[in-house]
C-alpha atoms as a PDB file:
ATOM      1  CA  MET A   1     -16.627  -4.501  12.314  1.00  0.00           C
ATOM      2  CA  ILE A   2     -13.411  -6.456  12.127  1.00  0.00           C
ATOM      3  CA  HIS A   3     -10.441  -3.947  11.844  1.00  0.00           C
ATOM      4  CA  LYS A   4      -7.602  -6.542  12.936  1.00  0.00           C
ATOM      5  CA  LEU A   5      -6.579  -9.684  11.502  1.00  0.00           C
ATOM      6  CA  SER A   6      -3.510 -11.936  10.330  1.00  0.00           C
ATOM      7  CA  ILE A   7      -2.733 -13.102   6.667  1.00  0.00           C
ATOM      8  CA  ASN A   8      -0.883 -16.416   6.435  1.00  0.00           C
ATOM      9  CA  GLU A   9      -0.777 -16.412  10.232  1.00  0.00           C
ATOM     10  CA  SER A  10       1.135 -12.981  10.244  1.00  0.00           C
ATOM     11  CA  PRO A  11       0.367  -9.505  11.432  1.00  0.00           C
ATOM     12  CA  ILE A  12       2.498  -8.256   8.410  1.00  0.00           C
ATOM     13  CA  ILE A  13      -0.514  -7.826   6.406  1.00  0.00           C
ATOM     14  CA  GLY A  14       0.926  -5.367   4.049  1.00  0.00           C
ATOM     15  CA  ALA A  15       3.382  -7.677   2.727  1.00  0.00           C
ATOM     16  CA  PHE A  16       0.649 -10.180   1.495  1.00  0.00           C
ATOM     17  CA  ALA A  17      -2.178  -7.691   0.367  1.00  0.00           C
ATOM     18  CA  THR A  18      -2.416  -4.435  -1.289  1.00  0.00           C
ATOM     19  CA  CYS A  19      -5.932  -2.682  -2.471  1.00  0.00           C
ATOM     20  CA  THR A  20      -7.256   0.154  -4.708  1.00  0.00           C
ATOM     21  CA  GLU A  21     -10.455   1.619  -4.320  1.00  0.00           C
ATOM     22  CA  GLU A  22     -12.127  -1.342  -6.167  1.00  0.00           C
ATOM     23  CA  ILE A  23     -10.018  -4.387  -5.656  1.00  0.00           C
ATOM     24  CA  ALA A  24      -7.850  -6.026  -3.137  1.00  0.00           C
ATOM     25  CA  LEU A  25      -5.209  -8.392  -4.234  1.00  0.00           C
ATOM     26  CA  VAL A  26      -4.159 -11.131  -1.745  1.00  0.00           C
ATOM     27  CA  SER A  27      -1.983 -14.203  -1.577  1.00  0.00           C
ATOM     28  CA  LEU A  28      -3.484 -17.263  -3.096  1.00  0.00           C
ATOM     29  CA  GLY A  29      -4.510 -19.597  -0.367  1.00  0.00           C
ATOM     30  CA  THR A  30      -5.549 -16.756   1.830  1.00  0.00           C
ATOM     31  CA  LYS A  31      -8.297 -18.048   4.060  1.00  0.00           C
ATOM     32  CA  PRO A  32     -11.949 -17.417   2.831  1.00  0.00           C
ATOM     33  CA  ASP A  33     -13.279 -15.555   5.943  1.00  0.00           C
ATOM     34  CA  ILE A  34     -10.379 -13.326   5.867  1.00  0.00           C
ATOM     35  CA  CYS A  35     -11.350 -12.564   2.238  1.00  0.00           C
ATOM     36  CA  ARG A  36     -14.829 -11.940   3.080  1.00  0.00           C
ATOM     37  CA  SER A  37     -13.343  -9.547   6.078  1.00  0.00           C
ATOM     38  CA  LEU A  38     -11.504  -7.545   3.398  1.00  0.00           C
ATOM     39  CA  GLU A  39     -14.459  -7.392   1.143  1.00  0.00           C
ATOM     40  CA  ASP A  40     -16.892  -6.173   3.815  1.00  0.00           C
ATOM     41  CA  VAL A  41     -14.308  -3.553   5.397  1.00  0.00           C
ATOM     42  CA  LEU A  42     -12.832  -1.929   2.133  1.00  0.00           C
ATOM     43  CA  LYS A  43     -15.828  -2.715   0.046  1.00  0.00           C
ATOM     44  CA  VAL A  44     -13.772  -3.978  -2.795  1.00  0.00           C
ATOM     45  CA  ARG A  45     -13.563  -7.157  -4.972  1.00  0.00           C
ATOM     46  CA  VAL A  46     -10.987  -9.487  -3.367  1.00  0.00           C
ATOM     47  CA  ILE A  47      -8.641 -11.657  -6.148  1.00  0.00           C
ATOM     48  CA  SER A  48      -6.158 -14.144  -4.822  1.00  0.00           C
ATOM     49  CA  THR A  49      -3.240 -14.377  -7.094  1.00  0.00           C
ATOM     50  CA  LEU A  50       0.595 -15.048  -7.171  1.00  0.00           C
ATOM     51  CA  VAL A  51       3.094 -12.739  -8.310  1.00  0.00           C
ATOM     52  CA  ASN A  52       6.136 -14.541  -9.804  1.00  0.00           C
ATOM     53  CA  ASP A  53       4.695 -17.524  -7.808  1.00  0.00           C
ATOM     54  CA  SER A  54       5.291 -15.492  -4.660  1.00  0.00           C
ATOM     55  CA  ILE A  55       2.558 -14.833  -1.895  1.00  0.00           C
ATOM     56  CA  VAL A  56       4.180 -11.442  -1.013  1.00  0.00           C
ATOM     57  CA  VAL A  57       1.749  -9.669  -3.272  1.00  0.00           C
ATOM     58  CA  GLY A  58       1.569  -6.825  -1.124  1.00  0.00           C
ATOM     59  CA  SER A  59       5.361  -6.113  -1.371  1.00  0.00           C
ATOM     60  CA  LEU A  60       5.510  -6.811  -5.185  1.00  0.00           C
ATOM     61  CA  CYS A  61       2.323  -4.804  -6.375  1.00  0.00           C
ATOM     62  CA  ARG A  62       1.279  -1.007  -6.170  1.00  0.00           C
ATOM     63  CA  GLY A  63      -1.725   0.467  -7.974  1.00  0.00           C
ATOM     64  CA  ASN A  64      -4.660   2.683  -7.618  1.00  0.00           C
ATOM     65  CA  SER A  65      -7.927   3.583  -9.363  1.00  0.00           C
ATOM     66  CA  ASN A  66      -6.085   3.962 -12.911  1.00  0.00           C
ATOM     67  CA  GLY A  67      -3.820   0.922 -12.867  1.00  0.00           C
ATOM     68  CA  LEU A  68      -1.539  -1.530 -10.974  1.00  0.00           C
ATOM     69  CA  LEU A  69       2.522  -1.848 -11.402  1.00  0.00           C
ATOM     70  CA  VAL A  70       4.031  -5.197 -10.756  1.00  0.00           C
ATOM     71  CA  PRO A  71       7.943  -6.122 -11.478  1.00  0.00           C
ATOM     72  CA  ARG A  72       9.195  -6.069 -14.887  1.00  0.00           C
ATOM     73  CA  GLY A  73       8.480  -9.343 -16.456  1.00  0.00           C
ATOM     74  CA  ALA A  74       6.415 -10.533 -13.628  1.00  0.00           C
ATOM     75  CA  THR A  75       3.720 -13.076 -14.023  1.00  0.00           C
ATOM     76  CA  VAL A  76       0.462 -12.687 -12.436  1.00  0.00           C
ATOM     77  CA  ARG A  77      -1.661 -15.634 -11.773  1.00  0.00           C
ATOM     78  CA  ASP A  78      -5.321 -15.120 -12.683  1.00  0.00           C
ATOM     79  CA  LEU A  79      -4.760 -11.976 -14.627  1.00  0.00           C
ATOM     80  CA  ASP A  80      -7.967 -12.141 -16.599  1.00  0.00           C
ATOM     81  CA  GLU A  81      -9.606 -11.407 -13.268  1.00  0.00           C
ATOM     82  CA  LEU A  82      -8.171  -7.817 -13.216  1.00  0.00           C
ATOM     83  CA  ASP A  83     -10.397  -5.095 -14.629  1.00  0.00           C
ATOM     84  CA  ILE A  84      -7.728  -2.407 -14.458  1.00  0.00           C
ATOM     85  CA  PRO A  85      -4.557  -2.097 -16.522  1.00  0.00           C
ATOM     86  CA  LEU A  86      -1.461  -4.073 -15.660  1.00  0.00           C
ATOM     87  CA  HIS A  87       1.876  -2.611 -16.259  1.00  0.00           C
ATOM     88  CA  ASN A  88       5.536  -3.851 -15.867  1.00  0.00           C
ATOM     89  CA  LEU A  89       8.032  -1.303 -13.604  1.00  0.00           C
ATOM     90  CA  PRO A  90      11.221  -1.266 -15.606  1.00  0.00           C
ATOM     91  CA  SER A  91      13.456  -1.236 -12.548  1.00  0.00           C
ATOM     92  CA  LYS A  92      15.772  -3.497 -10.721  1.00  0.00           C
ATOM     93  CA  LEU A  93      14.026  -2.642  -7.560  1.00  0.00           C
ATOM     94  CA  ASN A  94      11.349  -5.118  -8.172  1.00  0.00           C
ATOM     95  CA  ALA A  95       9.528  -4.964  -4.733  1.00  0.00           C
ATOM     96  CA  VAL A  96       7.150  -2.296  -6.418  1.00  0.00           C
ATOM     97  CA  GLY A  97       4.785  -2.357  -3.313  1.00  0.00           C
ATOM     98  CA  ASN A  98       8.017  -1.533  -1.052  1.00  0.00           C
ATOM     99  CA  VAL A  99       9.382   1.310  -3.091  1.00  0.00           C
ATOM    100  CA  VAL A 100       6.130   3.167  -4.015  1.00  0.00           C
ATOM    101  CA  LEU A 101       3.310   4.915  -1.950  1.00  0.00           C
ATOM    102  CA  ALA A 102       0.372   6.115  -3.885  1.00  0.00           C
ATOM    103  CA  ASN A 103      -3.128   6.923  -4.000  1.00  0.00           C
ATOM    104  CA  ASP A 104      -5.298   8.280  -6.823  1.00  0.00           C
ATOM    105  CA  SER A 105      -3.682  11.722  -6.856  1.00  0.00           C
ATOM    106  CA  ALA A 106       0.085  11.230  -6.178  1.00  0.00           C
ATOM    107  CA  ALA A 107       3.066   8.768  -5.568  1.00  0.00           C
ATOM    108  CA  LEU A 108       6.041   9.253  -3.582  1.00  0.00           C
ATOM    109  CA  VAL A 109       8.801   6.680  -4.639  1.00  0.00           C
ATOM    110  CA  HIS A 110      12.175   5.386  -3.653  1.00  0.00           C
ATOM    111  CA  PRO A 111      14.831   8.008  -4.389  1.00  0.00           C
ATOM    112  CA  GLU A 112      16.896   5.522  -6.371  1.00  0.00           C
ATOM    113  CA  LEU A 113      14.302   4.659  -8.894  1.00  0.00           C
ATOM    114  CA  SER A 114      15.360   5.514 -12.616  1.00  0.00           C
ATOM    115  CA  ASP A 115      13.619   8.525 -14.366  1.00  0.00           C
ATOM    116  CA  SER A 116      12.014   6.137 -16.882  1.00  0.00           C
ATOM    117  CA  SER A 117      10.459   4.038 -13.962  1.00  0.00           C
ATOM    118  CA  VAL A 118       9.297   7.549 -12.435  1.00  0.00           C
ATOM    119  CA  GLU A 119       7.486   8.245 -15.927  1.00  0.00           C
ATOM    120  CA  LYS A 120       6.104   4.859 -16.144  1.00  0.00           C
ATOM    121  CA  ILE A 121       4.611   5.266 -12.770  1.00  0.00           C
ATOM    122  CA  ALA A 122       3.255   8.677 -13.506  1.00  0.00           C
ATOM    123  CA  LYS A 123       1.799   7.436 -16.693  1.00  0.00           C
ATOM    124  CA  VAL A 124       0.167   4.068 -15.550  1.00  0.00           C
ATOM    125  CA  LEU A 125      -1.344   5.794 -12.193  1.00  0.00           C
ATOM    126  CA  LYS A 126      -1.994   9.265 -13.632  1.00  0.00           C
ATOM    127  CA  VAL A 127      -0.460  10.866 -10.598  1.00  0.00           C
ATOM    128  CA  ASP A 128       2.382  13.469  -9.850  1.00  0.00           C
ATOM    129  CA  VAL A 129       5.334  11.535  -8.640  1.00  0.00           C
ATOM    130  CA  ARG A 130       8.124  12.764  -6.429  1.00  0.00           C
ATOM    131  CA  LYS A 131      11.144  10.809  -5.155  1.00  0.00           C
ATOM    132  CA  GLY A 132      11.925  10.879  -1.477  1.00  0.00           C
ATOM    133  CA  THR A 133      12.171   9.489   1.897  1.00  0.00           C
ATOM    134  CA  ILE A 134      10.050   8.988   4.942  1.00  0.00           C
ATOM    135  CA  GLY A 135      12.028   9.063   8.148  1.00  0.00           C
ATOM    136  CA  GLY A 136      15.032   8.585   6.175  1.00  0.00           C
ATOM    137  CA  ILE A 137      13.932   5.390   4.696  1.00  0.00           C
ATOM    138  CA  ARG A 138      13.786   4.949   1.000  1.00  0.00           C
ATOM    139  CA  THR A 139      11.117   1.613   1.020  1.00  0.00           C
ATOM    140  CA  VAL A 140       8.536   4.458   1.173  1.00  0.00           C
ATOM    141  CA  GLY A 141       5.523   1.996   0.140  1.00  0.00           C
ATOM    142  CA  MET A 142       6.172   0.418   3.757  1.00  0.00           C
ATOM    143  CA  ALA A 143       6.884   3.399   5.608  1.00  0.00           C
ATOM    144  CA  GLY A 144       3.621   4.387   4.983  1.00  0.00           C
ATOM    145  CA  VAL A 145      -0.063   4.335   4.074  1.00  0.00           C
ATOM    146  CA  ALA A 146      -1.917   6.553   1.820  1.00  0.00           C
ATOM    147  CA  THR A 147      -5.668   6.895   0.829  1.00  0.00           C
ATOM    148  CA  ASN A 148      -7.391   9.492  -0.877  1.00  0.00           C
ATOM    149  CA  LYS A 149      -8.543  10.856   2.525  1.00  0.00           C
ATOM    150  CA  GLY A 150      -5.118  10.852   4.290  1.00  0.00           C
ATOM    151  CA  LEU A 151      -1.642   9.375   5.072  1.00  0.00           C
ATOM    152  CA  LEU A 152      -0.301   7.698   8.095  1.00  0.00           C
ATOM    153  CA  VAL A 153       3.624   7.415   8.012  1.00  0.00           C
ATOM    154  CA  HIS A 154       6.581   6.486  10.044  1.00  0.00           C
ATOM    155  CA  PRO A 155       6.948   8.267  13.265  1.00  0.00           C
ATOM    156  CA  ARG A 156      10.245   9.237  12.718  1.00  0.00           C
ATOM    157  CA  ALA A 157       9.597  11.293   9.604  1.00  0.00           C
ATOM    158  CA  SER A 158      10.885  14.608   9.857  1.00  0.00           C
ATOM    159  CA  SER A 159       9.132  17.964   9.639  1.00  0.00           C
ATOM    160  CA  GLN A 160      10.437  18.684   6.196  1.00  0.00           C
ATOM    161  CA  GLU A 161       9.396  14.929   5.020  1.00  0.00           C
ATOM    162  CA  LEU A 162       5.761  15.734   6.321  1.00  0.00           C
ATOM    163  CA  ALA A 163       5.459  19.009   4.523  1.00  0.00           C
ATOM    164  CA  SER A 164       6.552  17.681   1.496  1.00  0.00           C
ATOM    165  CA  LEU A 165       4.080  14.812   1.673  1.00  0.00           C
ATOM    166  CA  GLU A 166       1.448  17.132   2.522  1.00  0.00           C
ATOM    167  CA  GLU A 167       1.996  19.411  -0.453  1.00  0.00           C
ATOM    168  CA  LEU A 168       2.395  16.550  -2.804  1.00  0.00           C
ATOM    169  CA  PHE A 169      -0.584  14.630  -1.797  1.00  0.00           C
ATOM    170  CA  GLU A 170      -2.686  17.754  -0.516  1.00  0.00           C
ATOM    171  CA  LEU A 171      -3.842  15.974   2.244  1.00  0.00           C
ATOM    172  CA  PRO A 172      -3.360  15.552   6.045  1.00  0.00           C
ATOM    173  CA  VAL A 173      -0.346  13.544   7.149  1.00  0.00           C
ATOM    174  CA  GLU A 174      -0.247  11.683  10.526  1.00  0.00           C
ATOM    175  CA  VAL A 175       2.373   9.668  12.086  1.00  0.00           C
ATOM    176  CA  GLY A 176       1.821   6.412  14.075  1.00  0.00           C
ATOM    177  CA  THR A 177       2.510   2.897  13.829  1.00  0.00           C
ATOM    178  CA  SER A 178       1.036  -0.458  13.742  1.00  0.00           C
ATOM    179  CA  ASN A 179       1.249  -4.332  15.372  1.00  0.00           C
ATOM    180  CA  PHE A 180       2.332  -2.912  18.902  1.00  0.00           C
ATOM    181  CA  GLY A 181       5.202  -0.672  17.899  1.00  0.00           C
ATOM    182  CA  THR A 182       6.051  -1.296  14.270  1.00  0.00           C
ATOM    183  CA  GLN A 183       7.122   1.781  12.902  1.00  0.00           C
ATOM    184  CA  MET A 184       7.102   0.626   9.207  1.00  0.00           C
ATOM    185  CA  VAL A 185       3.407   1.193   9.526  1.00  0.00           C
ATOM    186  CA  GLY A 186       2.596   0.368   5.774  1.00  0.00           C
ATOM    187  CA  SER A 187       3.469  -3.198   6.633  1.00  0.00           C
ATOM    188  CA  GLY A 188       0.678  -3.343   9.181  1.00  0.00           C
ATOM    189  CA  VAL A 189      -2.285  -1.533   7.551  1.00  0.00           C
ATOM    190  CA  VAL A 190      -4.076  -1.937   4.235  1.00  0.00           C
ATOM    191  CA  ALA A 191      -6.535   0.607   3.442  1.00  0.00           C
ATOM    192  CA  ASN A 192      -8.555   2.645   1.088  1.00  0.00           C
ATOM    193  CA  SER A 193     -11.054   5.580   1.399  1.00  0.00           C
ATOM    194  CA  LYS A 194     -13.841   3.241   2.454  1.00  0.00           C
ATOM    195  CA  GLY A 195     -11.926   1.413   5.319  1.00  0.00           C
ATOM    196  CA  TYR A 196      -8.941  -0.267   6.897  1.00  0.00           C
ATOM    197  CA  ILE A 197      -7.522  -3.534   7.968  1.00  0.00           C
ATOM    198  CA  ALA A 198      -4.486  -3.431  10.515  1.00  0.00           C
ATOM    199  CA  GLY A 199      -2.423  -6.417  11.414  1.00  0.00           C
ATOM    200  CA  SER A 200      -3.401  -8.535  14.364  1.00  0.00           C
ATOM    201  CA  GLN A 201      -1.100  -6.981  16.931  1.00  0.00           C
ATOM    202  CA  THR A 202      -2.019  -3.601  16.412  1.00  0.00           C
ATOM    203  CA  THR A 203      -3.188  -1.751  19.735  1.00  0.00           C
ATOM    204  CA  GLY A 204      -6.061   0.095  20.639  1.00  0.00           C
ATOM    205  CA  HIS A 205      -4.194   3.244  20.561  1.00  0.00           C
ATOM    206  CA  GLU A 206      -2.737   2.658  17.434  1.00  0.00           C
ATOM    207  CA  LEU A 207      -6.364   1.995  15.889  1.00  0.00           C
ATOM    208  CA  GLY A 208      -7.096   5.443  17.030  1.00  0.00           C
ATOM    209  CA  ARG A 209      -4.245   6.987  15.400  1.00  0.00           C
ATOM    210  CA  ILE A 210      -4.997   4.883  12.287  1.00  0.00           C
ATOM    211  CA  GLU A 211      -8.833   6.046  12.156  1.00  0.00           C
ATOM    212  CA  ASP A 212      -7.738   9.824  12.541  1.00  0.00           C
ATOM    213  CA  ALA A 213      -5.055   9.742  10.096  1.00  0.00           C
ATOM    214  CA  LEU A 214      -7.099   8.358   7.623  1.00  0.00           C
ATOM    215  CA  GLY A 215     -10.388  10.063   8.356  1.00  0.00           C
ATOM    216  CA  PHE A 216     -12.651   7.154   9.742  1.00  0.00           C
END
């Protein structure tokens, strides 16, 4: 089973792909064998798309089983292929995938998101939402990975942040890295409760931490 790969020749796969329990969005032009690997490992339908004509769909989108959030005014290519509701987030912080960490029950979001944005996230994703940081980092979507089975987050997360995450998500939270020491672990891992893919530079030790944290 393939657990490591590159997208667009980059190990920073979280910038170019995102997934829910049912679908994965990847940048248009992703190689067919990469798409097949994502389908096989994550057990999802893979949709190739562009958001605002950009390939960094992982940085620009965040969704769960209930909905998908994209920047306000965003154009999404091949929109008709999506079978979950798509909504715009009314925020100047338009890299939605970078500022929202979510699964099917909860979301941690950038502390500067407006109250209206927090309300929109709660309504679209149907989750409990809390503002916060991970390791003091506000771009929580790239500082962690959340599935319905567990969370893996930045190794410098404080004990207070870890406790807050465990309370919010009601799941075990572990710390770790990807891509040979990259602390922004969400940039190097795409995962749901059925499987995970890590960036091509991720070490065996890091894979072990990912598997332990996410329950594989």
